[in-house]
PDB file of N, CA and C in Angstrom:
ATOM      1  N   UNK A   1      -8.164 -23.163  -1.122  1.00  0.00           N
ATOM      2  CA  UNK A   1      -7.684 -22.023  -1.848  1.00  0.00           C
ATOM      3  C   UNK A   1      -6.298 -22.364  -2.402  1.00  0.00           C
ATOM      4  N   UNK A   2      -6.076 -22.185  -3.687  1.00  0.00           N
ATOM      5  CA  UNK A   2      -4.769 -22.533  -4.262  1.00  0.00           C
ATOM      6  C   UNK A   2      -3.706 -21.522  -3.851  1.00  0.00           C
ATOM      7  N   UNK A   3      -2.503 -22.048  -3.632  1.00  0.00           N
ATOM      8  CA  UNK A   3      -1.378 -21.194  -3.274  1.00  0.00           C
ATOM      9  C   UNK A   3      -0.770 -20.609  -4.536  1.00  0.00           C
ATOM     10  N   UNK A   4      -0.050 -19.507  -4.392  1.00  0.00           N
ATOM     11  CA  UNK A   4       0.631 -18.970  -5.569  1.00  0.00           C
ATOM     12  C   UNK A   4       1.584 -19.999  -6.171  1.00  0.00           C
ATOM     13  N   UNK A   5       1.901 -19.824  -7.398  1.00  0.00           N
ATOM     14  CA  UNK A   5       2.681 -20.803  -8.147  1.00  0.00           C
ATOM     15  C   UNK A   5       4.070 -21.014  -7.559  1.00  0.00           C
ATOM     16  N   UNK A   6       4.668 -20.000  -6.939  1.00  0.00           N
ATOM     17  CA  UNK A   6       6.028 -20.128  -6.421  1.00  0.00           C
ATOM     18  C   UNK A   6       6.105 -21.176  -5.306  1.00  0.00           C
ATOM     19  N   UNK A   7       5.051 -21.336  -4.526  1.00  0.00           N
ATOM     20  CA  UNK A   7       5.086 -22.297  -3.430  1.00  0.00           C
ATOM     21  C   UNK A   7       5.053 -23.737  -3.925  1.00  0.00           C
ATOM     22  N   UNK A   8       4.606 -23.939  -5.132  1.00  0.00           N
ATOM     23  CA  UNK A   8       4.585 -25.283  -5.685  1.00  0.00           C
ATOM     24  C   UNK A   8       5.950 -25.751  -6.149  1.00  0.00           C
ATOM     25  N   UNK A   9       6.824 -24.831  -6.503  1.00  0.00           N
ATOM     26  CA  UNK A   9       8.128 -25.188  -7.036  1.00  0.00           C
ATOM     27  C   UNK A   9       9.225 -25.232  -5.978  1.00  0.00           C
ATOM     28  N   UNK A  10       9.164 -24.361  -4.993  1.00  0.00           N
ATOM     29  CA  UNK A  10      10.247 -24.230  -4.037  1.00  0.00           C
ATOM     30  C   UNK A  10       9.808 -24.681  -2.646  1.00  0.00           C
ATOM     31  N   UNK A  11      10.697 -25.415  -1.985  1.00  0.00           N
ATOM     32  CA  UNK A  11      10.460 -25.816  -0.612  1.00  0.00           C
ATOM     33  C   UNK A  11      11.082 -24.802   0.342  1.00  0.00           C
ATOM     34  N   UNK A  12      11.025 -25.113   1.626  1.00  0.00           N
ATOM     35  CA  UNK A  12      11.544 -24.205   2.647  1.00  0.00           C
ATOM     36  C   UNK A  12      13.047 -24.001   2.490  1.00  0.00           C
ATOM     37  N   UNK A  13      13.786 -25.084   2.306  1.00  0.00           N
ATOM     38  CA  UNK A  13      15.231 -24.970   2.179  1.00  0.00           C
ATOM     39  C   UNK A  13      15.627 -24.255   0.896  1.00  0.00           C
ATOM     40  N   UNK A  14      14.881 -24.477  -0.172  1.00  0.00           N
ATOM     41  CA  UNK A  14      15.168 -23.795  -1.427  1.00  0.00           C
ATOM     42  C   UNK A  14      15.023 -22.279  -1.273  1.00  0.00           C
ATOM     43  N   UNK A  15      13.931 -21.859  -0.629  1.00  0.00           N
ATOM     44  CA  UNK A  15      13.718 -20.430  -0.410  1.00  0.00           C
ATOM     45  C   UNK A  15      14.763 -19.849   0.527  1.00  0.00           C
ATOM     46  N   UNK A  16      15.212 -20.626   1.530  1.00  0.00           N
ATOM     47  CA  UNK A  16      16.252 -20.161   2.444  1.00  0.00           C
ATOM     48  C   UNK A  16      17.567 -19.955   1.696  1.00  0.00           C
ATOM     49  N   UNK A  17      17.909 -20.868   0.800  1.00  0.00           N
ATOM     50  CA  UNK A  17      19.145 -20.734   0.023  1.00  0.00           C
ATOM     51  C   UNK A  17      19.062 -19.539  -0.922  1.00  0.00           C
ATOM     52  N   UNK A  18      17.914 -19.355  -1.557  1.00  0.00           N
ATOM     53  CA  UNK A  18      17.728 -18.206  -2.447  1.00  0.00           C
ATOM     54  C   UNK A  18      17.844 -16.903  -1.646  1.00  0.00           C
ATOM     55  N   UNK A  19      17.262 -16.872  -0.456  1.00  0.00           N
ATOM     56  CA  UNK A  19      17.371 -15.693   0.402  1.00  0.00           C
ATOM     57  C   UNK A  19      18.800 -15.416   0.817  1.00  0.00           C
ATOM     58  N   UNK A  20      19.558 -16.468   1.121  1.00  0.00           N
ATOM     59  CA  UNK A  20      20.959 -16.312   1.506  1.00  0.00           C
ATOM     60  C   UNK A  20      21.781 -15.747   0.346  1.00  0.00           C
ATOM     61  N   UNK A  21      21.550 -16.262  -0.849  1.00  0.00           N
ATOM     62  CA  UNK A  21      22.271 -15.764  -2.023  1.00  0.00           C
ATOM     63  C   UNK A  21      21.903 -14.298  -2.289  1.00  0.00           C
ATOM     64  N   UNK A  22      20.621 -13.967  -2.119  1.00  0.00           N
ATOM     65  CA  UNK A  22      20.196 -12.576  -2.303  1.00  0.00           C
ATOM     66  C   UNK A  22      20.864 -11.658  -1.284  1.00  0.00           C
ATOM     67  N   UNK A  23      21.018 -12.135  -0.048  1.00  0.00           N
ATOM     68  CA  UNK A  23      21.700 -11.334   0.973  1.00  0.00           C
ATOM     69  C   UNK A  23      23.167 -11.134   0.608  1.00  0.00           C
ATOM     70  N   UNK A  24      23.807 -12.147   0.048  1.00  0.00           N
ATOM     71  CA  UNK A  24      25.200 -12.000  -0.365  1.00  0.00           C
ATOM     72  C   UNK A  24      25.343 -10.986  -1.501  1.00  0.00           C
ATOM     73  N   UNK A  25      24.431 -11.036  -2.445  1.00  0.00           N
ATOM     74  CA  UNK A  25      24.512 -10.144  -3.600  1.00  0.00           C
ATOM     75  C   UNK A  25      24.100  -8.711  -3.267  1.00  0.00           C
ATOM     76  N   UNK A  26      23.018  -8.555  -2.491  1.00  0.00           N
ATOM     77  CA  UNK A  26      22.441  -7.233  -2.245  1.00  0.00           C
ATOM     78  C   UNK A  26      22.578  -6.780  -0.798  1.00  0.00           C
ATOM     79  N   UNK A  27      23.408  -7.435  -0.017  1.00  0.00           N
ATOM     80  CA  UNK A  27      23.509  -7.141   1.417  1.00  0.00           C
ATOM     81  C   UNK A  27      23.913  -5.724   1.732  1.00  0.00           C
ATOM     82  N   UNK A  28      24.836  -5.155   0.954  1.00  0.00           N
ATOM     83  CA  UNK A  28      25.289  -3.808   1.264  1.00  0.00           C
ATOM     84  C   UNK A  28      24.260  -2.752   0.851  1.00  0.00           C
ATOM     85  N   UNK A  29      23.398  -3.043  -0.106  1.00  0.00           N
ATOM     86  CA  UNK A  29      22.381  -2.085  -0.559  1.00  0.00           C
ATOM     87  C   UNK A  29      21.030  -2.304   0.113  1.00  0.00           C
ATOM     88  N   UNK A  30      20.873  -3.430   0.792  1.00  0.00           N
ATOM     89  CA  UNK A  30      19.573  -3.769   1.357  1.00  0.00           C
ATOM     90  C   UNK A  30      19.073  -2.766   2.398  1.00  0.00           C
ATOM     91  N   UNK A  31      19.889  -2.286   3.345  1.00  0.00           N
ATOM     92  CA  UNK A  31      19.380  -1.313   4.314  1.00  0.00           C
ATOM     93  C   UNK A  31      18.862  -0.028   3.672  1.00  0.00           C
ATOM     94  N   UNK A  32      19.552   0.473   2.668  1.00  0.00           N
ATOM     95  CA  UNK A  32      19.081   1.702   2.024  1.00  0.00           C
ATOM     96  C   UNK A  32      17.809   1.450   1.219  1.00  0.00           C
ATOM     97  N   UNK A  33      17.704   0.267   0.621  1.00  0.00           N
ATOM     98  CA  UNK A  33      16.484  -0.063  -0.113  1.00  0.00           C
ATOM     99  C   UNK A  33      15.289  -0.160   0.835  1.00  0.00           C
ATOM    100  N   UNK A  34      15.484  -0.786   1.984  1.00  0.00           N
ATOM    101  CA  UNK A  34      14.396  -0.925   2.947  1.00  0.00           C
ATOM    102  C   UNK A  34      14.023   0.431   3.557  1.00  0.00           C
ATOM    103  N   UNK A  35      15.019   1.277   3.772  1.00  0.00           N
ATOM    104  CA  UNK A  35      14.752   2.609   4.316  1.00  0.00           C
ATOM    105  C   UNK A  35      13.899   3.416   3.340  1.00  0.00           C
ATOM    106  N   UNK A  36      14.244   3.378   2.062  1.00  0.00           N
ATOM    107  CA  UNK A  36      13.467   4.121   1.065  1.00  0.00           C
ATOM    108  C   UNK A  36      12.078   3.518   0.902  1.00  0.00           C
ATOM    109  N   UNK A  37      11.961   2.207   1.028  1.00  0.00           N
ATOM    110  CA  UNK A  37      10.648   1.571   0.970  1.00  0.00           C
ATOM    111  C   UNK A  37       9.789   2.028   2.147  1.00  0.00           C
ATOM    112  N   UNK A  38      10.374   2.096   3.338  1.00  0.00           N
ATOM    113  CA  UNK A  38       9.644   2.564   4.514  1.00  0.00           C
ATOM    114  C   UNK A  38       9.205   4.011   4.379  1.00  0.00           C
ATOM    115  N   UNK A  39      10.064   4.859   3.801  1.00  0.00           N
ATOM    116  CA  UNK A  39       9.692   6.251   3.592  1.00  0.00           C
ATOM    117  C   UNK A  39       8.556   6.362   2.579  1.00  0.00           C
ATOM    118  N   UNK A  40       8.575   5.515   1.570  1.00  0.00           N
ATOM    119  CA  UNK A  40       7.493   5.517   0.589  1.00  0.00           C
ATOM    120  C   UNK A  40       6.164   5.107   1.201  1.00  0.00           C
ATOM    121  N   UNK A  41       6.204   4.122   2.090  1.00  0.00           N
ATOM    122  CA  UNK A  41       4.976   3.685   2.765  1.00  0.00           C
ATOM    123  C   UNK A  41       4.451   4.803   3.665  1.00  0.00           C
ATOM    124  N   UNK A  42       5.352   5.497   4.355  1.00  0.00           N
ATOM    125  CA  UNK A  42       4.932   6.610   5.216  1.00  0.00           C
ATOM    126  C   UNK A  42       4.293   7.721   4.395  1.00  0.00           C
ATOM    127  N   UNK A  43       4.879   8.067   3.260  1.00  0.00           N
ATOM    128  CA  UNK A  43       4.312   9.102   2.401  1.00  0.00           C
ATOM    129  C   UNK A  43       2.940   8.682   1.874  1.00  0.00           C
ATOM    130  N   UNK A  44       2.790   7.415   1.536  1.00  0.00           N
ATOM    131  CA  UNK A  44       1.497   6.916   1.070  1.00  0.00           C
ATOM    132  C   UNK A  44       0.440   7.043   2.161  1.00  0.00           C
ATOM    133  N   UNK A  45       0.793   6.667   3.391  1.00  0.00           N
ATOM    134  CA  UNK A  45      -0.153   6.772   4.505  1.00  0.00           C
ATOM    135  C   UNK A  45      -0.527   8.224   4.772  1.00  0.00           C
ATOM    136  N   UNK A  46       0.447   9.137   4.674  1.00  0.00           N
ATOM    137  CA  UNK A  46       0.146  10.562   4.864  1.00  0.00           C
ATOM    138  C   UNK A  46      -0.802  11.051   3.777  1.00  0.00           C
ATOM    139  N   UNK A  47      -0.595  10.602   2.555  1.00  0.00           N
ATOM    140  CA  UNK A  47      -1.479  10.994   1.462  1.00  0.00           C
ATOM    141  C   UNK A  47      -2.894  10.489   1.661  1.00  0.00           C
ATOM    142  N   UNK A  48      -3.021   9.246   2.106  1.00  0.00           N
ATOM    143  CA  UNK A  48      -4.349   8.679   2.357  1.00  0.00           C
ATOM    144  C   UNK A  48      -5.027   9.436   3.494  1.00  0.00           C
ATOM    145  N   UNK A  49      -4.279   9.750   4.547  1.00  0.00           N
ATOM    146  CA  UNK A  49      -4.848  10.490   5.673  1.00  0.00           C
ATOM    147  C   UNK A  49      -5.274  11.887   5.229  1.00  0.00           C
ATOM    148  N   UNK A  50      -4.497  12.498   4.341  1.00  0.00           N
ATOM    149  CA  UNK A  50      -4.854  13.826   3.840  1.00  0.00           C
ATOM    150  C   UNK A  50      -6.131  13.793   3.030  1.00  0.00           C
ATOM    151  N   UNK A  51      -6.318  12.770   2.227  1.00  0.00           N
ATOM    152  CA  UNK A  51      -7.553  12.638   1.446  1.00  0.00           C
ATOM    153  C   UNK A  51      -8.740  12.447   2.375  1.00  0.00           C
ATOM    154  N   UNK A  52      -8.572  11.629   3.412  1.00  0.00           N
ATOM    155  CA  UNK A  52      -9.666  11.406   4.358  1.00  0.00           C
ATOM    156  C   UNK A  52      -9.989  12.683   5.112  1.00  0.00           C
ATOM    157  N   UNK A  53      -8.969  13.472   5.474  1.00  0.00           N
ATOM    158  CA  UNK A  53      -9.213  14.738   6.167  1.00  0.00           C
ATOM    159  C   UNK A  53      -9.961  15.710   5.266  1.00  0.00           C
ATOM    160  N   UNK A  54      -9.578  15.768   3.989  1.00  0.00           N
ATOM    161  CA  UNK A  54     -10.264  16.643   3.046  1.00  0.00           C
ATOM    162  C   UNK A  54     -11.719  16.232   2.890  1.00  0.00           C
ATOM    163  N   UNK A  55     -11.970  14.943   2.861  1.00  0.00           N
ATOM    164  CA  UNK A  55     -13.340  14.453   2.726  1.00  0.00           C
ATOM    165  C   UNK A  55     -14.167  14.807   3.946  1.00  0.00           C
ATOM    166  N   UNK A  56     -13.559  14.718   5.129  1.00  0.00           N
ATOM    167  CA  UNK A  56     -14.279  15.027   6.359  1.00  0.00           C
ATOM    168  C   UNK A  56     -14.552  16.520   6.510  1.00  0.00           C
ATOM    169  N   UNK A  57     -13.722  17.361   5.874  1.00  0.00           N
ATOM    170  CA  UNK A  57     -13.876  18.805   6.006  1.00  0.00           C
ATOM    171  C   UNK A  57     -14.841  19.391   4.980  1.00  0.00           C
ATOM    172  N   UNK A  58     -15.442  18.585   4.129  1.00  0.00           N
ATOM    173  CA  UNK A  58     -16.386  19.093   3.140  1.00  0.00           C
ATOM    174  C   UNK A  58     -17.583  19.698   3.855  1.00  0.00           C
ATOM    175  N   UNK A  59     -18.241  20.622   3.150  1.00  0.00           N
ATOM    176  CA  UNK A  59     -19.456  21.208   3.701  1.00  0.00           C
ATOM    177  C   UNK A  59     -20.522  20.126   3.814  1.00  0.00           C
ATOM    178  N   UNK A  60     -21.380  20.213   4.828  1.00  0.00           N
ATOM    179  CA  UNK A  60     -22.384  19.155   5.022  1.00  0.00           C
ATOM    180  C   UNK A  60     -23.316  18.958   3.839  1.00  0.00           C
ATOM    181  N   UNK A  61     -23.623  19.998   3.070  1.00  0.00           N
ATOM    182  CA  UNK A  61     -24.572  19.855   1.981  1.00  0.00           C
ATOM    183  C   UNK A  61     -23.934  19.550   0.647  1.00  0.00           C
ATOM    184  N   UNK A  62     -22.613  19.495   0.575  1.00  0.00           N
ATOM    185  CA  UNK A  62     -21.943  19.328  -0.709  1.00  0.00           C
ATOM    186  C   UNK A  62     -22.181  17.961  -1.340  1.00  0.00           C
ATOM    187  N   UNK A  63     -21.926  16.899  -0.614  1.00  0.00           N
ATOM    188  CA  UNK A  63     -22.004  15.579  -1.222  1.00  0.00           C
ATOM    189  C   UNK A  63     -23.154  14.746  -0.722  1.00  0.00           C
ATOM    190  N   UNK A  64     -24.095  15.356  -0.040  1.00  0.00           N
ATOM    191  CA  UNK A  64     -25.168  14.575   0.574  1.00  0.00           C
ATOM    192  C   UNK A  64     -26.479  14.649  -0.202  1.00  0.00           C
ATOM    193  N   UNK A  65     -26.479  15.269  -1.393  1.00  0.00           N
ATOM    194  CA  UNK A  65     -27.711  15.337  -2.162  1.00  0.00           C
ATOM    195  C   UNK A  65     -28.013  13.997  -2.808  1.00  0.00           C
ATOM    196  N   UNK A  66     -29.281  13.702  -2.916  1.00  0.00           N
ATOM    197  CA  UNK A  66     -29.709  12.476  -3.577  1.00  0.00           C
ATOM    198  C   UNK A  66     -29.836  12.736  -5.074  1.00  0.00           C
ATOM    199  N   UNK A  67     -29.812  11.685  -5.840  1.00  0.00           N
ATOM    200  CA  UNK A  67     -29.940  11.801  -7.282  1.00  0.00           C
ATOM    201  C   UNK A  67     -31.315  12.357  -7.621  1.00  0.00           C
ATOM    202  N   UNK A  68     -31.339  13.339  -8.498  1.00  0.00           N
ATOM    203  CA  UNK A  68     -32.598  13.937  -8.924  1.00  0.00           C
ATOM    204  C   UNK A  68     -32.996  15.152  -8.144  1.00  0.00           C
ATOM    205  N   UNK A  69     -32.300  15.472  -7.067  1.00  0.00           N
ATOM    206  CA  UNK A  69     -32.639  16.657  -6.297  1.00  0.00           C
ATOM    207  C   UNK A  69     -32.011  17.877  -6.934  1.00  0.00           C
ATOM    208  N   UNK A  70     -32.642  19.008  -6.770  1.00  0.00           N
ATOM    209  CA  UNK A  70     -32.139  20.262  -7.320  1.00  0.00           C
ATOM    210  C   UNK A  70     -31.019  20.821  -6.464  1.00  0.00           C
ATOM    211  N   UNK A  71     -30.536  22.024  -6.824  1.00  0.00           N
ATOM    212  CA  UNK A  71     -29.420  22.618  -6.105  1.00  0.00           C
ATOM    213  C   UNK A  71     -29.742  22.948  -4.654  1.00  0.00           C
ATOM    214  N   UNK A  72     -31.034  23.231  -4.335  1.00  0.00           N
ATOM    215  CA  UNK A  72     -31.394  23.525  -2.952  1.00  0.00           C
ATOM    216  C   UNK A  72     -31.727  22.273  -2.167  1.00  0.00           C
ATOM    217  N   UNK A  73     -31.694  21.129  -2.774  1.00  0.00           N
ATOM    218  CA  UNK A  73     -32.017  19.895  -2.073  1.00  0.00           C
ATOM    219  C   UNK A  73     -33.505  19.631  -1.999  1.00  0.00           C
ATOM    220  N   UNK A  74     -34.304  20.322  -2.830  1.00  0.00           N
ATOM    221  CA  UNK A  74     -35.748  20.149  -2.786  1.00  0.00           C
ATOM    222  C   UNK A  74     -36.224  19.018  -3.638  1.00  0.00           C
TER     223      UNK A  74
END
């Protein structure tokens, strides 16, 4: 399986240096960025759970009809 293109250009030390420079530039904003990212992931999970709960609460006959059946399921 081919690796993404970035792994072909940069080695371990190159990525470590890039990470260090990024920490120097964005170090003071990084905690707030990660906190907001975590809150976004939590909201996404709550939304997915809400959709699954809504699906589970449907009436038993609502989505279980086969194609071609009438409204009474006959």
